[in-house]
Amino acid sequence: MRTSDKHQKIIQAAIKVFARKGFFSARISDIAKEAKVADGTIYLYFNNKYDILISIFEEEIGKIILQVKLAIEEETDPRRMLEVFALHHLKLVEEKRDLAEVLQMELRQSNKFMKEYRNTRFIEYVDIISTIIHLGQEKNIFRKELLPGVAKRAFFGALDEMSRLWVLAPETGYTIEETAKEISNIFLFGACSQPMAD
């Protein structure tokens, strides 16, 4: 087996173990067993458990970024781009449930390790939203006074909460497609049928 194949095999095994046991309860021996390699083999590729977690964030989110960017490049309307982003993000729970669970749980950890680790890949991922918002402002589709830094977090926050709900309770009664469209519509058009009177 090539070095890159074994590296990836360990990463995929770690995702399954972290999703099942949680990062702090998981042991290197659990990952080795899942990957069907000797415990010592793990240390040929990673320094420790934290190194594996960082690799998951960097490599797996990197793949997601590439997929989302390719899908968005096929669109010209920023409104549709936001919907495509929403759909891809929510589909993670359906297509890569273990990975979605690890990202959901571990990105929320407030421990010293997560505070010190600057997840540049995750920042790059969320910045796709602000890039779309800037484009919409340039095209006079989105309001000029809209703050992209706030808007990207508000939009991602809604998607993130629905993802968390699906991870914890898969039977929500909503399809991924319906949810992506609804969150996009609320963000783009608001919830009111009439503007508020002054």
C-alpha atoms as a PDB file:
ATOM      1  CA  MET A   1       0.000   0.000   0.000  1.00  0.00           C
ATOM      2  CA  ARG A   2       1.340   3.453  -0.902  1.00  0.00           C
ATOM      3  CA  THR A   3       2.161   5.953   1.862  1.00  0.00           C
ATOM      4  CA  SER A   4      -0.635   8.300   0.731  1.00  0.00           C
ATOM      5  CA  ASP A   5      -3.146   5.425   0.757  1.00  0.00           C
ATOM      6  CA  LYS A   6      -2.222   4.402   4.307  1.00  0.00           C
ATOM      7  CA  HIS A   7      -2.366   8.032   5.468  1.00  0.00           C
ATOM      8  CA  GLN A   8      -5.875   8.347   4.034  1.00  0.00           C
ATOM      9  CA  LYS A   9      -6.906   5.000   5.507  1.00  0.00           C
ATOM     10  CA  ILE A  10      -5.912   6.207   8.973  1.00  0.00           C
ATOM     11  CA  ILE A  11      -7.754   9.502   8.472  1.00  0.00           C
ATOM     12  CA  GLN A  12     -10.962   7.702   7.464  1.00  0.00           C
ATOM     13  CA  ALA A  13     -10.630   5.292  10.382  1.00  0.00           C
ATOM     14  CA  ALA A  14     -10.125   8.217  12.789  1.00  0.00           C
ATOM     15  CA  ILE A  15     -13.267   9.933  11.474  1.00  0.00           C
ATOM     16  CA  LYS A  16     -15.310   6.813  12.241  1.00  0.00           C
ATOM     17  CA  VAL A  17     -13.784   6.393  15.701  1.00  0.00           C
ATOM     18  CA  PHE A  18     -14.108  10.076  16.661  1.00  0.00           C
ATOM     19  CA  ALA A  19     -17.745  10.095  15.484  1.00  0.00           C
ATOM     20  CA  ARG A  20     -18.513   6.948  17.483  1.00  0.00           C
ATOM     21  CA  LYS A  21     -16.553   7.602  20.679  1.00  0.00           C
ATOM     22  CA  GLY A  22     -15.801  11.309  20.669  1.00  0.00           C
ATOM     23  CA  PHE A  23     -12.308  12.723  20.308  1.00  0.00           C
ATOM     24  CA  PHE A  24     -11.343  12.649  23.986  1.00  0.00           C
ATOM     25  CA  SER A  25     -12.595   9.110  24.617  1.00  0.00           C
ATOM     26  CA  ALA A  26     -10.967   7.714  21.480  1.00  0.00           C
ATOM     27  CA  ARG A  27      -7.536   6.085  21.728  1.00  0.00           C
ATOM     28  CA  ILE A  28      -4.819   5.621  19.132  1.00  0.00           C
ATOM     29  CA  SER A  29      -5.328   1.860  19.514  1.00  0.00           C
ATOM     30  CA  ASP A  30      -9.017   2.311  18.547  1.00  0.00           C
ATOM     31  CA  ILE A  31      -7.986   4.104  15.363  1.00  0.00           C
ATOM     32  CA  ALA A  32      -5.353   1.476  14.574  1.00  0.00           C
ATOM     33  CA  LYS A  33      -7.896  -1.302  15.043  1.00  0.00           C
ATOM     34  CA  GLU A  34     -10.411   0.447  12.757  1.00  0.00           C
ATOM     35  CA  ALA A  35      -7.699   1.050  10.128  1.00  0.00           C
ATOM     36  CA  LYS A  36      -6.438  -2.547  10.506  1.00  0.00           C
ATOM     37  CA  VAL A  37      -2.869  -1.430  11.157  1.00  0.00           C
ATOM     38  CA  ALA A  38      -0.482  -1.799  14.101  1.00  0.00           C
ATOM     39  CA  ASP A  39      -0.603   0.949  16.753  1.00  0.00           C
ATOM     40  CA  GLY A  40       2.961   1.946  15.897  1.00  0.00           C
ATOM     41  CA  THR A  41       2.017   2.501  12.249  1.00  0.00           C
ATOM     42  CA  ILE A  42      -0.150   5.477  13.272  1.00  0.00           C
ATOM     43  CA  TYR A  43       2.955   7.243  14.631  1.00  0.00           C
ATOM     44  CA  LEU A  44       4.728   6.898  11.302  1.00  0.00           C
ATOM     45  CA  TYR A  45       2.151   9.329   9.870  1.00  0.00           C
ATOM     46  CA  PHE A  46       0.932  11.395  12.841  1.00  0.00           C
ATOM     47  CA  ASN A  47       2.540  12.708  16.024  1.00  0.00           C
ATOM     48  CA  ASN A  48      -0.529  12.168  18.205  1.00  0.00           C
ATOM     49  CA  LYS A  49      -4.331  12.227  18.305  1.00  0.00           C
ATOM     50  CA  TYR A  50      -4.441  16.040  18.003  1.00  0.00           C
ATOM     51  CA  ASP A  51      -2.347  15.846  14.838  1.00  0.00           C
ATOM     52  CA  ILE A  52      -4.899  13.442  13.352  1.00  0.00           C
ATOM     53  CA  LEU A  53      -7.767  15.800  14.228  1.00  0.00           C
ATOM     54  CA  ILE A  54      -5.977  18.762  12.605  1.00  0.00           C
ATOM     55  CA  SER A  55      -5.374  16.641   9.495  1.00  0.00           C
ATOM     56  CA  ILE A  56      -9.091  15.823   9.348  1.00  0.00           C
ATOM     57  CA  PHE A  57      -9.967  19.512   9.458  1.00  0.00           C
ATOM     58  CA  GLU A  58      -7.332  20.547   6.938  1.00  0.00           C
ATOM     59  CA  GLU A  59      -7.730  17.721   4.415  1.00  0.00           C
ATOM     60  CA  GLU A  60     -11.438  16.963   4.565  1.00  0.00           C
ATOM     61  CA  ILE A  61     -12.580  20.578   4.691  1.00  0.00           C
ATOM     62  CA  GLY A  62     -10.147  21.225   1.836  1.00  0.00           C
ATOM     63  CA  LYS A  63     -12.005  18.653  -0.279  1.00  0.00           C
ATOM     64  CA  ILE A  64     -15.360  20.225   0.636  1.00  0.00           C
ATOM     65  CA  ILE A  65     -14.088  23.690  -0.325  1.00  0.00           C
ATOM     66  CA  LEU A  66     -13.022  22.413  -3.748  1.00  0.00           C
ATOM     67  CA  GLN A  67     -16.381  20.705  -4.363  1.00  0.00           C
ATOM     68  CA  VAL A  68     -18.382  23.768  -3.298  1.00  0.00           C
ATOM     69  CA  LYS A  69     -16.278  26.162  -5.373  1.00  0.00           C
ATOM     70  CA  LEU A  70     -16.640  23.991  -8.477  1.00  0.00           C
ATOM     71  CA  ALA A  71     -20.429  23.840  -8.009  1.00  0.00           C
ATOM     72  CA  ILE A  72     -20.699  27.609  -7.445  1.00  0.00           C
ATOM     73  CA  GLU A  73     -18.588  28.378 -10.535  1.00  0.00           C
ATOM     74  CA  GLU A  74     -21.404  26.910 -12.638  1.00  0.00           C
ATOM     75  CA  GLU A  75     -23.776  29.638 -11.401  1.00  0.00           C
ATOM     76  CA  THR A  76     -23.892  33.339 -12.276  1.00  0.00           C
ATOM     77  CA  ASP A  77     -26.626  34.549  -9.885  1.00  0.00           C
ATOM     78  CA  PRO A  78     -25.340  35.127  -6.308  1.00  0.00           C
ATOM     79  CA  ARG A  79     -28.765  34.136  -4.941  1.00  0.00           C
ATOM     80  CA  ARG A  80     -28.465  30.752  -6.586  1.00  0.00           C
ATOM     81  CA  MET A  81     -24.856  30.486  -5.400  1.00  0.00           C
ATOM     82  CA  LEU A  82     -26.004  30.797  -1.775  1.00  0.00           C
ATOM     83  CA  GLU A  83     -28.575  28.069  -2.325  1.00  0.00           C
ATOM     84  CA  VAL A  84     -25.919  25.806  -3.875  1.00  0.00           C
ATOM     85  CA  PHE A  85     -23.632  26.423  -0.876  1.00  0.00           C
ATOM     86  CA  ALA A  86     -26.500  25.596   1.493  1.00  0.00           C
ATOM     87  CA  LEU A  87     -27.344  22.406  -0.369  1.00  0.00           C
ATOM     88  CA  HIS A  88     -23.733  21.173  -0.397  1.00  0.00           C
ATOM     89  CA  HIS A  89     -23.264  21.938   3.285  1.00  0.00           C
ATOM     90  CA  LEU A  90     -26.420  20.122   4.366  1.00  0.00           C
ATOM     91  CA  LYS A  91     -25.701  17.140   2.106  1.00  0.00           C
ATOM     92  CA  LEU A  92     -22.591  16.457   4.199  1.00  0.00           C
ATOM     93  CA  VAL A  93     -24.827  14.975   6.898  1.00  0.00           C
ATOM     94  CA  GLU A  94     -26.411  12.633   4.362  1.00  0.00           C
ATOM     95  CA  GLU A  95     -23.310  11.672   2.380  1.00  0.00           C
ATOM     96  CA  LYS A  96     -20.568  11.829   5.052  1.00  0.00           C
ATOM     97  CA  ARG A  97     -22.397  11.503   8.340  1.00  0.00           C
ATOM     98  CA  ASP A  98     -19.352  10.539  10.440  1.00  0.00           C
ATOM     99  CA  LEU A  99     -17.337  13.474   9.109  1.00  0.00           C
ATOM    100  CA  ALA A 100     -20.266  15.865   9.680  1.00  0.00           C
ATOM    101  CA  GLU A 101     -20.541  14.630  13.249  1.00  0.00           C
ATOM    102  CA  VAL A 102     -16.829  15.119  13.937  1.00  0.00           C
ATOM    103  CA  LEU A 103     -16.878  18.627  12.442  1.00  0.00           C
ATOM    104  CA  GLN A 104     -20.052  19.507  14.342  1.00  0.00           C
ATOM    105  CA  MET A 105     -18.851  18.341  17.727  1.00  0.00           C
ATOM    106  CA  GLU A 106     -15.147  19.125  17.661  1.00  0.00           C
ATOM    107  CA  LEU A 107     -15.422  22.634  16.169  1.00  0.00           C
ATOM    108  CA  ARG A 108     -17.639  23.501  19.150  1.00  0.00           C
ATOM    109  CA  GLN A 109     -15.135  22.344  21.759  1.00  0.00           C
ATOM    110  CA  SER A 110     -13.854  25.159  23.957  1.00  0.00           C
ATOM    111  CA  ASN A 111     -10.739  23.340  25.153  1.00  0.00           C
ATOM    112  CA  LYS A 112      -7.271  24.890  25.008  1.00  0.00           C
ATOM    113  CA  PHE A 113      -6.274  22.908  21.913  1.00  0.00           C
ATOM    114  CA  MET A 114      -9.190  24.173  19.811  1.00  0.00           C
ATOM    115  CA  LYS A 115      -8.654  27.755  20.994  1.00  0.00           C
ATOM    116  CA  GLU A 116      -4.989  27.669  20.008  1.00  0.00           C
ATOM    117  CA  TYR A 117      -5.544  25.907  16.702  1.00  0.00           C
ATOM    118  CA  ARG A 118      -6.342  28.443  14.000  1.00  0.00           C
ATOM    119  CA  ASN A 119      -8.480  26.500  11.558  1.00  0.00           C
ATOM    120  CA  THR A 120      -7.591  28.357   8.367  1.00  0.00           C
ATOM    121  CA  ARG A 121      -9.416  25.828   6.174  1.00  0.00           C
ATOM    122  CA  PHE A 122     -12.647  26.364   8.076  1.00  0.00           C
ATOM    123  CA  ILE A 123     -12.244  30.144   7.801  1.00  0.00           C
ATOM    124  CA  GLU A 124     -11.679  29.745   4.043  1.00  0.00           C
ATOM    125  CA  TYR A 125     -14.856  27.642   3.824  1.00  0.00           C
ATOM    126  CA  VAL A 126     -17.075  30.209   5.572  1.00  0.00           C
ATOM    127  CA  ASP A 127     -15.454  33.021   3.550  1.00  0.00           C
ATOM    128  CA  ILE A 128     -17.002  31.510   0.409  1.00  0.00           C
ATOM    129  CA  ILE A 129     -20.283  32.973   1.696  1.00  0.00           C
ATOM    130  CA  SER A 130     -18.870  36.490   2.125  1.00  0.00           C
ATOM    131  CA  THR A 131     -17.333  36.282  -1.358  1.00  0.00           C
ATOM    132  CA  ILE A 132     -20.795  35.513  -2.758  1.00  0.00           C
ATOM    133  CA  ILE A 133     -22.271  38.429  -0.780  1.00  0.00           C
ATOM    134  CA  HIS A 134     -19.621  40.833  -2.119  1.00  0.00           C
ATOM    135  CA  LEU A 135     -20.434  39.648  -5.653  1.00  0.00           C
ATOM    136  CA  GLY A 136     -24.141  40.211  -5.030  1.00  0.00           C
ATOM    137  CA  GLN A 137     -23.401  43.745  -3.838  1.00  0.00           C
ATOM    138  CA  GLU A 138     -21.310  44.456  -6.935  1.00  0.00           C
ATOM    139  CA  LYS A 139     -24.226  43.282  -9.096  1.00  0.00           C
ATOM    140  CA  ASN A 140     -26.711  45.408  -7.082  1.00  0.00           C
ATOM    141  CA  ILE A 141     -28.583  42.257  -6.040  1.00  0.00           C
ATOM    142  CA  PHE A 142     -27.723  42.515  -2.334  1.00  0.00           C
ATOM    143  CA  ARG A 143     -27.987  45.699  -0.261  1.00  0.00           C
ATOM    144  CA  LYS A 144     -24.791  47.780  -0.232  1.00  0.00           C
ATOM    145  CA  GLU A 145     -25.063  48.314   3.534  1.00  0.00           C
ATOM    146  CA  LEU A 146     -25.159  44.561   4.204  1.00  0.00           C
ATOM    147  CA  LEU A 147     -22.153  43.600   6.328  1.00  0.00           C
ATOM    148  CA  PRO A 148     -20.588  40.488   4.706  1.00  0.00           C
ATOM    149  CA  GLY A 149     -18.750  39.540   7.900  1.00  0.00           C
ATOM    150  CA  VAL A 150     -22.006  39.414   9.876  1.00  0.00           C
ATOM    151  CA  ALA A 151     -24.084  38.006   7.022  1.00  0.00           C
ATOM    152  CA  LYS A 152     -21.747  35.051   6.398  1.00  0.00           C
ATOM    153  CA  ARG A 153     -21.932  34.023  10.053  1.00  0.00           C
ATOM    154  CA  ALA A 154     -25.712  34.408  10.175  1.00  0.00           C
ATOM    155  CA  PHE A 155     -26.158  32.273   7.051  1.00  0.00           C
ATOM    156  CA  PHE A 156     -23.627  29.650   8.125  1.00  0.00           C
ATOM    157  CA  GLY A 157     -25.101  29.622  11.630  1.00  0.00           C
ATOM    158  CA  ALA A 158     -28.520  28.638  10.289  1.00  0.00           C
ATOM    159  CA  LEU A 159     -27.016  25.840   8.184  1.00  0.00           C
ATOM    160  CA  ASP A 160     -24.846  24.702  11.067  1.00  0.00           C
ATOM    161  CA  GLU A 161     -27.809  24.466  13.439  1.00  0.00           C
ATOM    162  CA  MET A 162     -29.823  22.377  10.967  1.00  0.00           C
ATOM    163  CA  SER A 163     -26.811  20.113  10.437  1.00  0.00           C
ATOM    164  CA  ARG A 164     -26.516  19.683  14.204  1.00  0.00           C
ATOM    165  CA  LEU A 165     -30.205  18.799  14.409  1.00  0.00           C
ATOM    166  CA  TRP A 166     -29.786  16.109  11.724  1.00  0.00           C
ATOM    167  CA  VAL A 167     -26.722  14.688  13.456  1.00  0.00           C
ATOM    168  CA  LEU A 168     -28.603  14.431  16.774  1.00  0.00           C
ATOM    169  CA  ALA A 169     -32.062  13.556  15.416  1.00  0.00           C
ATOM    170  CA  PRO A 170     -32.085  12.441  11.747  1.00  0.00           C
ATOM    171  CA  GLU A 171     -35.910  12.314  11.493  1.00  0.00           C
ATOM    172  CA  THR A 172     -36.662  16.026  11.144  1.00  0.00           C
ATOM    173  CA  GLY A 173     -39.517  15.829   8.650  1.00  0.00           C
ATOM    174  CA  TYR A 174     -37.663  18.083   6.199  1.00  0.00           C
ATOM    175  CA  THR A 175     -35.650  17.051   3.168  1.00  0.00           C
ATOM    176  CA  ILE A 176     -32.173  18.477   2.627  1.00  0.00           C
ATOM    177  CA  GLU A 177     -33.328  20.186  -0.577  1.00  0.00           C
ATOM    178  CA  GLU A 178     -36.339  21.807   1.173  1.00  0.00           C
ATOM    179  CA  THR A 179     -34.180  22.980   4.048  1.00  0.00           C
ATOM    180  CA  ALA A 180     -31.462  24.455   1.821  1.00  0.00           C
ATOM    181  CA  LYS A 181     -34.083  26.393  -0.157  1.00  0.00           C
ATOM    182  CA  GLU A 182     -35.934  27.557   2.960  1.00  0.00           C
ATOM    183  CA  ILE A 183     -32.805  28.828   4.733  1.00  0.00           C
ATOM    184  CA  SER A 184     -31.691  30.577   1.528  1.00  0.00           C
ATOM    185  CA  ASN A 185     -35.146  32.159   1.081  1.00  0.00           C
ATOM    186  CA  ILE A 186     -35.317  33.384   4.673  1.00  0.00           C
ATOM    187  CA  PHE A 187     -31.851  34.880   4.301  1.00  0.00           C
ATOM    188  CA  LEU A 188     -32.576  36.459   0.911  1.00  0.00           C
ATOM    189  CA  PHE A 189     -36.174  37.582   1.316  1.00  0.00           C
ATOM    190  CA  GLY A 190     -36.840  37.621   5.074  1.00  0.00           C
ATOM    191  CA  ALA A 191     -39.796  36.131   6.901  1.00  0.00           C
ATOM    192  CA  CYS A 192     -42.300  38.991   6.539  1.00  0.00           C
ATOM    193  CA  SER A 193     -44.756  39.370   3.687  1.00  0.00           C
ATOM    194  CA  GLN A 194     -44.997  43.113   4.413  1.00  0.00           C
ATOM    195  CA  PRO A 195     -42.264  45.529   5.585  1.00  0.00           C
ATOM    196  CA  MET A 196     -42.645  46.976   9.111  1.00  0.00           C
ATOM    197  CA  ALA A 197     -44.375  50.339   9.346  1.00  0.00           C
ATOM    198  CA  ASP A 198     -42.265  53.207  10.699  1.00  0.00           C
END
